[in-house]
Protein backbone atom coordinates (compact mmCIF):
# COMPACT_ATOMS: atom_id res chain seq x y z
CA UNK A 1 181.55 -119.70 -170.13
CA UNK A 2 182.07 -123.46 -170.35
CA UNK A 3 184.03 -123.22 -173.60
CA UNK A 4 186.24 -120.42 -172.26
CA UNK A 5 186.86 -122.30 -169.02
CA UNK A 6 187.88 -125.50 -170.74
CA UNK A 7 190.05 -123.62 -173.23
CA UNK A 8 191.79 -121.82 -170.38
CA UNK A 9 192.59 -125.09 -168.62
CA UNK A 10 193.69 -126.69 -171.89
CA UNK A 11 196.05 -123.79 -172.58
CA UNK A 12 197.49 -124.25 -169.07
CA UNK A 13 198.06 -127.96 -169.91
CA UNK A 14 195.86 -129.10 -167.07
CA UNK A 15 194.93 -132.79 -167.10
CA UNK A 16 192.72 -133.04 -163.99
CA UNK A 17 190.51 -130.63 -162.10
CA UNK A 18 190.35 -131.31 -158.35
CA UNK A 19 186.92 -130.47 -156.95
CA UNK A 20 187.83 -129.85 -153.32
CA UNK A 21 185.96 -129.76 -150.03
CA UNK A 22 186.66 -130.12 -146.31
CA UNK A 23 184.78 -132.66 -144.19
CA UNK A 24 183.65 -132.75 -140.57
CA UNK A 25 186.97 -134.29 -139.51
CA UNK A 26 188.79 -131.40 -141.25
CA UNK A 27 190.36 -133.70 -143.80
CA UNK A 28 190.72 -131.87 -147.12
CA UNK A 29 189.39 -134.13 -149.85
CA UNK A 30 188.79 -133.89 -153.57
CA UNK A 31 187.47 -135.77 -156.55
CA UNK A 32 189.29 -135.04 -159.79
CA UNK A 33 187.61 -134.90 -163.17
CA UNK A 34 189.60 -135.35 -166.36
CA UNK A 35 189.65 -132.34 -168.63
CA UNK A 36 188.40 -134.47 -171.52
CA UNK A 37 184.90 -134.71 -170.04
CA UNK A 38 184.78 -131.44 -168.10
CA UNK A 39 182.74 -129.51 -170.68
CA UNK A 40 179.79 -131.88 -170.31
CA UNK A 41 179.96 -131.92 -166.50
CA UNK A 42 180.43 -128.29 -165.48
CA UNK A 43 177.26 -127.85 -163.44
CA UNK A 44 177.34 -131.19 -161.59
CA UNK A 45 180.86 -132.56 -162.11
CA UNK A 46 180.79 -135.29 -159.49
CA UNK A 47 178.91 -136.65 -156.49
CA UNK A 48 179.84 -138.13 -153.14
CA UNK A 49 178.06 -140.31 -150.64
CA UNK A 50 176.28 -138.39 -147.91
CA UNK A 51 178.20 -140.62 -145.47
CA UNK A 52 181.28 -138.54 -146.32
CA UNK A 53 180.30 -136.17 -143.51
CA UNK A 54 180.22 -139.05 -141.03
CA UNK A 55 183.87 -140.09 -141.31
CA UNK A 56 186.24 -139.55 -138.35
CA UNK A 57 189.85 -138.58 -138.82
CA UNK A 58 191.14 -142.06 -138.01
CA UNK A 59 189.69 -143.97 -140.94
CA UNK A 60 187.06 -144.06 -143.67
CA UNK A 61 184.55 -145.77 -141.40
CA UNK A 62 181.07 -144.28 -141.06
CA UNK A 63 180.09 -143.22 -137.53
CA UNK A 64 176.71 -144.83 -136.93
CA UNK A 65 175.38 -142.13 -134.56
CA UNK A 66 175.73 -139.52 -137.32
CA UNK A 67 172.41 -140.46 -138.91
CA UNK A 68 174.20 -140.92 -142.23
CA UNK A 69 174.77 -144.12 -144.16
CA UNK A 70 175.12 -145.69 -147.61
CA UNK A 71 171.89 -144.23 -149.01
CA UNK A 72 171.99 -140.76 -150.53
CA UNK A 73 174.14 -138.70 -152.88
CA UNK A 74 175.43 -135.17 -152.38
CA UNK A 75 176.92 -133.16 -155.23
CA UNK A 76 180.06 -131.05 -155.32
CA UNK A 77 179.11 -127.69 -156.85
CA UNK A 78 182.20 -125.72 -157.90
CA UNK A 79 182.63 -122.08 -156.98
CA UNK A 80 184.40 -121.12 -160.18
CA UNK A 81 185.73 -117.90 -158.65
CA UNK A 82 188.13 -120.13 -156.65
CA UNK A 83 189.57 -121.93 -159.70
CA UNK A 84 193.36 -121.99 -159.69
CA UNK A 85 196.04 -124.01 -161.48
CA UNK A 86 198.25 -125.58 -158.82
CA UNK A 87 201.79 -124.17 -158.98
CA UNK A 88 203.18 -127.20 -157.12
CA UNK A 89 201.23 -129.70 -159.31
CA UNK A 90 200.85 -127.83 -162.62
CA UNK A 91 198.97 -130.58 -164.48
CA UNK A 92 196.18 -130.25 -161.90
CA UNK A 93 193.86 -127.37 -161.07
CA UNK A 94 191.69 -126.90 -157.99
CA UNK A 95 188.25 -125.44 -157.44
CA UNK A 96 186.57 -125.23 -154.06
CA UNK A 97 183.07 -126.63 -153.86
CA UNK A 98 179.82 -126.43 -151.95
CA UNK A 99 177.79 -129.53 -151.16
CA UNK A 100 174.28 -129.75 -152.61
CA UNK A 101 171.51 -132.25 -151.98
CA UNK A 102 168.38 -132.45 -154.12
CA UNK A 103 169.34 -129.27 -155.94
CA UNK A 104 169.69 -127.21 -152.75
CA UNK A 105 172.58 -126.33 -150.41
CA UNK A 106 173.03 -129.36 -148.16
CA UNK A 107 172.45 -128.75 -144.46
CA UNK A 108 175.74 -130.58 -143.76
CA UNK A 109 177.83 -128.38 -146.05
CA UNK A 110 180.46 -126.56 -143.94
CA UNK A 111 180.96 -123.86 -146.56
CA UNK A 112 177.24 -123.12 -146.63
CA UNK A 113 177.24 -122.92 -142.82
CA UNK A 114 179.77 -120.10 -143.04
CA UNK A 115 177.70 -118.42 -145.74
CA UNK A 116 174.70 -118.50 -143.38
CA UNK A 117 176.81 -116.89 -140.64
CA UNK A 118 177.92 -114.17 -143.05
CA UNK A 119 174.31 -113.47 -144.04
CA UNK A 120 173.28 -113.27 -140.38
CA UNK A 121 176.07 -110.77 -139.74
CA UNK A 122 175.03 -108.69 -142.74
CA UNK A 123 171.46 -108.61 -141.45
CA UNK A 124 172.89 -107.11 -138.25
CA UNK A 125 174.75 -104.50 -140.31
CA UNK A 126 178.17 -106.09 -139.76
CA UNK A 127 180.72 -107.38 -142.24
CA UNK A 128 183.43 -109.63 -140.82
CA UNK A 129 186.92 -109.60 -142.29
CA UNK A 130 189.32 -112.33 -141.21
CA UNK A 131 192.63 -114.09 -141.67
CA UNK A 132 193.95 -117.39 -140.35
CA UNK A 133 197.53 -117.12 -139.10
CA UNK A 134 199.17 -120.54 -139.34
CA UNK A 135 202.12 -122.11 -137.62
CA UNK A 136 203.37 -125.31 -139.22
CA UNK A 137 206.28 -127.72 -138.89
CA UNK A 138 208.71 -128.78 -141.62
CA UNK A 139 209.87 -132.33 -140.98
CA UNK A 140 211.57 -135.37 -142.45
CA UNK A 141 211.78 -138.99 -141.37
CA UNK A 142 214.96 -140.77 -140.40
CA UNK A 143 215.02 -144.31 -139.03
CA UNK A 144 211.30 -144.01 -138.21
CA UNK A 145 211.93 -140.83 -136.18
CA UNK A 146 210.50 -137.40 -136.96
CA UNK A 147 213.34 -135.00 -137.67
CA UNK A 148 212.68 -131.22 -137.91
CA UNK A 149 214.49 -129.21 -140.55
CA UNK A 150 216.18 -127.17 -137.81
CA UNK A 151 216.37 -126.86 -134.04
CA UNK A 152 216.74 -123.14 -133.61
CA UNK A 153 214.77 -120.53 -131.65
CA UNK A 154 212.11 -117.93 -132.38
CA UNK A 155 212.84 -115.64 -135.37
CA UNK A 156 216.27 -117.18 -135.86
CA UNK A 157 217.98 -115.97 -139.01
CA UNK A 158 219.77 -119.32 -139.12
CA UNK A 159 216.39 -121.00 -139.52
CA UNK A 160 215.57 -118.51 -142.28
CA UNK A 161 218.77 -119.51 -144.10
CA UNK A 162 218.24 -123.23 -143.59
CA UNK A 163 214.64 -123.09 -144.84
CA UNK A 164 214.94 -120.24 -147.32
CA UNK A 165 214.35 -122.22 -150.51
CA UNK A 166 211.17 -123.94 -149.37
CA UNK A 167 209.76 -120.81 -147.72
CA UNK A 168 210.38 -118.85 -150.93
CA UNK A 169 208.69 -121.61 -152.92
CA UNK A 170 205.65 -121.66 -150.61
CA UNK A 171 205.40 -117.88 -150.82
CA UNK A 172 205.65 -117.90 -154.62
CA UNK A 173 203.01 -120.62 -154.85
CA UNK A 174 200.61 -118.68 -152.63
CA UNK A 175 201.11 -115.49 -154.63
CA UNK A 176 200.53 -117.41 -157.87
CA UNK A 177 197.12 -118.33 -156.42
CA UNK A 178 196.36 -114.64 -155.71
CA UNK A 179 196.96 -114.83 -151.97
CA UNK A 180 198.92 -111.87 -150.60
CA UNK A 181 201.84 -112.91 -148.39
CA UNK A 182 202.63 -110.38 -145.66
CA UNK A 183 205.24 -111.65 -143.18
CA UNK A 184 207.36 -114.68 -142.44
CA UNK A 185 209.42 -115.78 -139.47
CA UNK A 186 210.57 -119.01 -137.87
CA UNK A 187 208.64 -119.89 -134.75
CA UNK A 188 209.85 -121.32 -131.46
CA UNK A 189 209.59 -125.09 -131.92
CA UNK A 190 211.98 -127.21 -134.03
CA UNK A 191 211.21 -126.86 -137.72
CA UNK A 192 208.31 -124.52 -136.94
CA UNK A 193 207.51 -121.71 -139.37
CA UNK A 194 204.88 -119.00 -139.71
CA UNK A 195 203.76 -117.23 -142.87
CA UNK A 196 201.00 -114.64 -142.48
CA UNK A 197 198.70 -113.69 -145.33
CA UNK A 198 196.41 -110.73 -146.00
CA UNK A 199 192.93 -110.63 -144.51
CA UNK A 200 189.85 -111.14 -146.67
CA UNK A 201 186.11 -111.29 -146.30
CA UNK A 202 185.05 -114.21 -144.11
CA UNK A 203 184.37 -116.69 -146.91
CA UNK A 204 187.57 -115.75 -148.67
CA UNK A 205 189.54 -116.18 -145.44
CA UNK A 206 188.24 -119.73 -144.96
CA UNK A 207 188.90 -120.54 -148.61
CA UNK A 208 192.43 -119.19 -148.21
CA UNK A 209 192.96 -121.46 -145.23
CA UNK A 210 192.21 -124.52 -147.37
CA UNK A 211 194.53 -123.23 -150.11
CA UNK A 212 197.25 -122.41 -147.56
CA UNK A 213 197.27 -125.89 -146.02
CA UNK A 214 197.22 -127.56 -149.42
CA UNK A 215 199.99 -125.35 -150.77
CA UNK A 216 202.36 -125.76 -147.82
CA UNK A 217 201.95 -129.51 -147.92
CA UNK A 218 202.25 -129.72 -151.71
CA UNK A 219 205.42 -127.64 -151.85
CA UNK A 220 206.96 -129.56 -148.95
CA UNK A 221 206.52 -132.81 -150.88
CA UNK A 222 208.53 -131.32 -153.74
CA UNK A 223 211.40 -130.81 -151.29
CA UNK A 224 211.19 -134.31 -149.86
CA UNK A 225 209.71 -133.00 -146.61
CA UNK A 226 206.52 -133.36 -144.63
CA UNK A 227 204.62 -130.26 -143.58
CA UNK A 228 202.29 -130.66 -140.61
CA UNK A 229 199.89 -128.28 -138.90
CA UNK A 230 199.28 -130.77 -136.06
CA UNK A 231 198.80 -128.71 -132.86
CA UNK A 232 201.29 -130.59 -130.69
CA UNK A 233 204.13 -132.66 -132.14
CA UNK A 234 206.90 -132.38 -129.55
CA UNK A 235 205.94 -132.73 -125.89
CA UNK A 236 208.41 -130.18 -124.52
CA UNK A 237 208.19 -127.64 -127.37
CA UNK A 238 205.68 -125.06 -128.54
CA UNK A 239 202.67 -126.26 -130.51
CA UNK A 240 201.19 -125.15 -133.81
CA UNK A 241 198.39 -122.65 -133.44
CA UNK A 242 196.24 -121.07 -136.12
CA UNK A 243 195.20 -117.73 -134.66
CA UNK A 244 192.11 -116.15 -136.17
CA UNK A 245 192.35 -112.41 -136.80
CA UNK A 246 189.04 -110.56 -137.05
CA UNK A 247 187.83 -107.06 -137.77
CA UNK A 248 184.29 -105.68 -137.90
CA UNK A 249 183.13 -103.37 -140.67
CA UNK A 250 180.06 -101.25 -141.33
CA UNK A 251 179.31 -99.24 -144.46
CA UNK A 252 182.87 -99.74 -145.68
CA UNK A 253 184.41 -98.50 -142.42
CA UNK A 254 186.38 -100.52 -139.88
CA UNK A 255 184.41 -100.19 -136.63
CA UNK A 256 186.68 -102.37 -134.48
CA UNK A 257 188.19 -99.36 -132.70
CA UNK A 258 186.45 -96.37 -131.15
CA UNK A 259 188.88 -93.77 -132.47
CA UNK A 260 190.46 -93.23 -129.05
CA UNK A 261 192.78 -96.22 -128.84
CA UNK A 262 190.17 -98.60 -127.40
CA UNK A 263 187.75 -101.14 -128.78
CA UNK A 264 184.35 -99.97 -129.95
CA UNK A 265 181.30 -101.08 -128.01
CA UNK A 266 180.32 -103.39 -130.87
CA UNK A 267 183.74 -105.06 -130.86
CA UNK A 268 183.62 -105.48 -127.08
CA UNK A 269 180.18 -107.08 -127.35
CA UNK A 270 181.44 -109.36 -130.13
CA UNK A 271 184.43 -110.47 -128.06
CA UNK A 272 182.14 -111.02 -125.07
CA UNK A 273 180.04 -113.36 -127.21
CA UNK A 274 183.14 -115.34 -128.19
CA UNK A 275 184.27 -115.63 -124.56
CA UNK A 276 180.78 -116.57 -123.37
CA UNK A 277 180.53 -119.44 -125.87
CA UNK A 278 184.24 -120.32 -125.86
CA UNK A 279 184.04 -123.62 -123.93
CA UNK A 280 181.57 -124.87 -126.56
CA UNK A 281 183.33 -123.16 -129.47
CA UNK A 282 186.45 -125.16 -128.69
CA UNK A 283 184.80 -128.32 -130.00
CA UNK A 284 184.83 -126.49 -133.35
CA UNK A 285 187.99 -124.35 -133.15
CA UNK A 286 190.27 -126.84 -131.35
CA UNK A 287 188.51 -130.10 -132.26
CA UNK A 288 191.31 -132.67 -132.00
CA UNK A 289 192.34 -134.63 -128.92
CA UNK A 290 195.83 -133.39 -129.76
CA UNK A 291 194.70 -129.74 -129.55
CA UNK A 292 194.46 -129.86 -125.78
CA UNK A 293 198.09 -130.80 -125.35
CA UNK A 294 198.89 -127.34 -126.75
CA UNK A 295 196.36 -125.32 -124.75
CA UNK A 296 197.98 -124.92 -121.36
CA UNK A 297 198.47 -121.95 -119.00
CA UNK A 298 201.69 -120.00 -119.56
CA UNK A 299 202.08 -121.37 -123.12
CA UNK A 300 200.71 -118.28 -124.91
CA UNK A 301 197.83 -120.36 -126.29
CA UNK A 302 194.84 -118.76 -124.57
CA UNK A 303 193.83 -121.14 -121.76
CA UNK A 304 191.31 -118.86 -119.99
CA UNK A 305 188.18 -116.92 -120.95
CA UNK A 306 190.17 -113.69 -120.72
CA UNK A 307 190.99 -110.88 -123.11
CA UNK A 308 193.42 -107.99 -123.06
CA UNK A 309 195.35 -105.43 -125.03
CA UNK A 310 198.64 -106.94 -126.29
CA UNK A 311 198.16 -109.85 -123.87
CA UNK A 312 199.31 -113.05 -125.56
CA UNK A 313 197.98 -115.22 -122.73
CA UNK A 314 194.39 -114.12 -123.27
CA UNK A 315 192.08 -116.16 -125.46
CA UNK A 316 191.47 -112.89 -127.28
CA UNK A 317 194.31 -110.43 -127.81
CA UNK A 318 193.77 -106.90 -129.07
CA UNK A 319 196.98 -105.81 -130.84
CA UNK A 320 197.90 -102.16 -130.67
CA UNK A 321 199.39 -100.17 -133.53
CA UNK A 322 202.25 -97.67 -133.07
CA UNK A 323 200.34 -95.13 -135.14
CA UNK A 324 196.61 -94.46 -135.40
CA UNK A 325 194.20 -95.96 -136.10
CA UNK A 326 194.46 -98.45 -133.27
CA UNK A 327 193.15 -101.02 -132.68
CA UNK A 328 192.13 -102.23 -136.12
CA UNK A 329 191.45 -105.89 -135.34
CA UNK A 330 191.56 -108.54 -132.62
CA UNK A 331 193.08 -112.01 -132.46
CA UNK A 332 191.28 -115.13 -131.27
CA UNK A 333 194.02 -117.48 -130.13
CA UNK A 334 192.15 -120.64 -129.14
CA UNK A 335 192.19 -122.01 -132.67
CA UNK A 336 194.37 -124.52 -134.50
CA UNK A 337 194.50 -126.00 -137.98
CA UNK A 338 192.78 -129.24 -137.01
CA UNK A 339 189.61 -127.12 -137.29
CA UNK A 340 187.48 -127.03 -140.40
CA UNK A 341 187.85 -123.30 -141.21
CA UNK A 342 184.27 -122.91 -142.45
CA UNK A 343 182.79 -124.39 -139.29
CA UNK A 344 185.23 -122.64 -136.95
CA UNK A 345 184.84 -119.17 -138.44
CA UNK A 346 181.09 -119.55 -138.89
CA UNK A 347 180.66 -120.57 -135.25
CA UNK A 348 182.84 -117.67 -134.07
CA UNK A 349 180.69 -115.24 -136.06
CA UNK A 350 177.47 -116.63 -134.61
CA UNK A 351 178.93 -116.45 -131.08
CA UNK A 352 180.15 -112.89 -131.59
CA UNK A 353 176.82 -111.77 -133.00
CA UNK A 354 175.10 -113.23 -129.95
CA UNK A 355 177.26 -110.95 -127.83
CA UNK A 356 176.29 -107.95 -129.96
CA UNK A 357 172.59 -108.82 -129.88
CA UNK A 358 172.58 -109.29 -126.10
CA UNK A 359 174.97 -106.39 -125.41
CA UNK A 360 177.29 -108.71 -123.48
CA UNK A 361 180.20 -107.23 -121.54
CA UNK A 362 183.59 -108.99 -121.82
CA UNK A 363 184.72 -107.66 -118.46
CA UNK A 364 187.81 -105.60 -117.83
CA UNK A 365 190.82 -106.25 -120.05
CA UNK A 366 193.50 -108.31 -118.32
CA UNK A 367 197.01 -106.90 -118.30
CA UNK A 368 198.82 -109.87 -116.74
CA UNK A 369 198.98 -113.58 -117.45
CA UNK A 370 195.56 -114.79 -116.21
CA UNK A 371 197.23 -118.01 -115.09
CA UNK A 372 198.86 -115.99 -112.30
CA UNK A 373 195.53 -115.07 -110.69
CA UNK A 374 194.42 -116.92 -107.60
CA UNK A 375 191.17 -118.89 -108.02
CA UNK A 376 189.23 -116.31 -106.02
CA UNK A 377 190.37 -113.47 -108.28
CA UNK A 378 189.55 -115.47 -111.40
CA UNK A 379 186.05 -115.99 -110.02
CA UNK A 380 185.70 -112.32 -109.12
CA UNK A 381 186.67 -111.31 -112.65
CA UNK A 382 184.40 -113.93 -114.23
CA UNK A 383 187.37 -115.66 -115.88
CA UNK A 384 187.17 -119.42 -116.28
CA UNK A 385 189.78 -122.02 -117.23
CA UNK A 386 189.00 -123.57 -120.57
CA UNK A 387 188.16 -127.26 -121.13
CA UNK A 388 191.11 -129.53 -120.52
CA UNK A 389 190.23 -132.06 -123.18
CA UNK A 390 188.02 -132.63 -126.20
CA UNK A 391 185.50 -134.61 -124.16
CA UNK A 392 184.76 -131.56 -121.99
CA UNK A 393 184.44 -129.32 -125.04
CA UNK A 394 182.00 -131.77 -126.65
CA UNK A 395 179.80 -131.63 -123.53
CA UNK A 396 179.79 -127.83 -123.65
CA UNK A 397 178.86 -127.79 -127.35
CA UNK A 398 176.12 -130.37 -126.74
CA UNK A 399 174.56 -127.95 -124.24
CA UNK A 400 175.05 -124.69 -126.18
CA UNK A 401 171.64 -123.91 -127.64
CA UNK A 402 172.79 -120.99 -129.76
CA UNK A 403 175.55 -122.91 -131.54
CA UNK A 404 173.42 -126.02 -131.96
CA UNK A 405 170.63 -123.98 -133.54
CA UNK A 406 173.14 -122.20 -135.77
CA UNK A 407 174.58 -125.51 -136.96
CA UNK A 408 171.15 -127.03 -137.42
CA UNK A 409 169.98 -130.42 -136.26
CA UNK A 410 171.52 -132.51 -139.04
CA UNK A 411 174.95 -130.86 -139.09
CA UNK A 412 175.22 -130.73 -135.30
CA UNK A 413 174.24 -134.39 -135.01
CA UNK A 414 176.80 -135.57 -137.56
CA UNK A 415 179.53 -133.23 -136.32
CA UNK A 416 179.14 -134.24 -132.67
CA UNK A 417 179.01 -137.91 -133.64
CA UNK A 418 182.34 -137.58 -135.46
CA UNK A 419 183.93 -135.69 -132.55
CA UNK A 420 182.64 -138.18 -130.00
CA UNK A 421 183.97 -141.12 -132.01
CA UNK A 422 187.39 -139.47 -132.25
CA UNK A 423 187.35 -138.73 -128.52
CA UNK A 424 186.47 -142.31 -127.58
CA UNK A 425 189.14 -143.80 -129.81
CA UNK A 426 191.95 -141.37 -129.02
CA UNK A 427 191.34 -140.13 -125.46
CA UNK A 428 193.81 -142.60 -123.93
CA UNK A 429 196.48 -142.19 -126.60
CA UNK A 430 199.93 -140.97 -125.66
CA UNK A 431 201.37 -138.10 -127.65
CA UNK A 432 203.56 -140.30 -129.83
CA UNK A 433 200.51 -142.37 -130.83
CA UNK A 434 198.54 -139.24 -131.74
CA UNK A 435 201.43 -137.87 -133.76
CA UNK A 436 201.85 -141.15 -135.64
CA UNK A 437 198.15 -141.15 -136.55
CA UNK A 438 197.53 -137.45 -137.20
CA UNK A 439 200.81 -135.98 -138.46
CA UNK A 440 199.84 -136.27 -142.12
CA UNK A 441 196.08 -135.75 -141.64
CA UNK A 442 196.71 -132.16 -140.57
């Protein structure tokens, strides 16, 4: 295998192999190994300090409360099934990696956390299929100002014409990496675009999210542009979400619907689990201080613990199909691309499974904007406003026994320490300060 792998990369004229992972701050990082020494380093190509999982998004400064420091080495273990030559950087290839410690999966490895969630679901007889649906902004800089590539409106064909070349290039690059592109349209905010890709098994969906972010950014650089998935860039315009589409399967059959146009009992229980844990989940699915500038009532971002059929103001929307079968999946809207996809999707699966195990009821579907309900009606329906800032979400996660146990003591400690450090540093920042700091992180 090693000889064939090296020969394949040599024939593709690859010089460096990027061994890629995503940290607790959701910064995508890699160490690259030169092809000349790859053959002798296939099993353990490179190591990193364990303190890597204690770095906040602001800087490479270890958060002391994480329990991590300068002592200890973790190893990047490639998943060779994810190996791809990069279409936008053809002398480099990428492979996604797990983190090992002492020859075992490291408790702080986000990818292994998702694997544990998948195993737990399988033990309950459920397979989760998923897709992340990204909105992103195409931007340039002019006189120290951020300038979007266009200032049109939702689904504008003018925006399609103005951005056609780069959108085609992004699409081609994704397809070259064996990701199926489904739909594209310009979104509402200036320079904002959306490209949807085909669903996959849960691990594949999270892997695709890493590849998607890397590809959009890499292609944008070729065009002299910046691509950003930052949740809120312009104060008075729509933000960038990253909706998570989910379907539940059993014995090769989609069991999301009940065959009569409604959700199955299992899907309702799963959604109830998400809604029950949502205030805590948000520290994992919307983990940036900037995220909460996007999540507001009447902004179609899911600001309440509500769900509904075709209701884009619910935290969970169940899309209907014009022809049966319907529904085939549901959409969790309170997610953005500042989230580590392995941690976010893994936590959602654990929360949903808790709803299935406990037979939780999500309540009646809401067929109006829940922000229009009076407080008394919200209370009667059991609908709660979501946390207004990252600090509140951190408190909810710190008190959520199920999610803390799922994460494990070491991962939860380091993750919360990173989030708390980011909150303390950035909680007083104005939007322009956040954008200046985070625009190119996400």
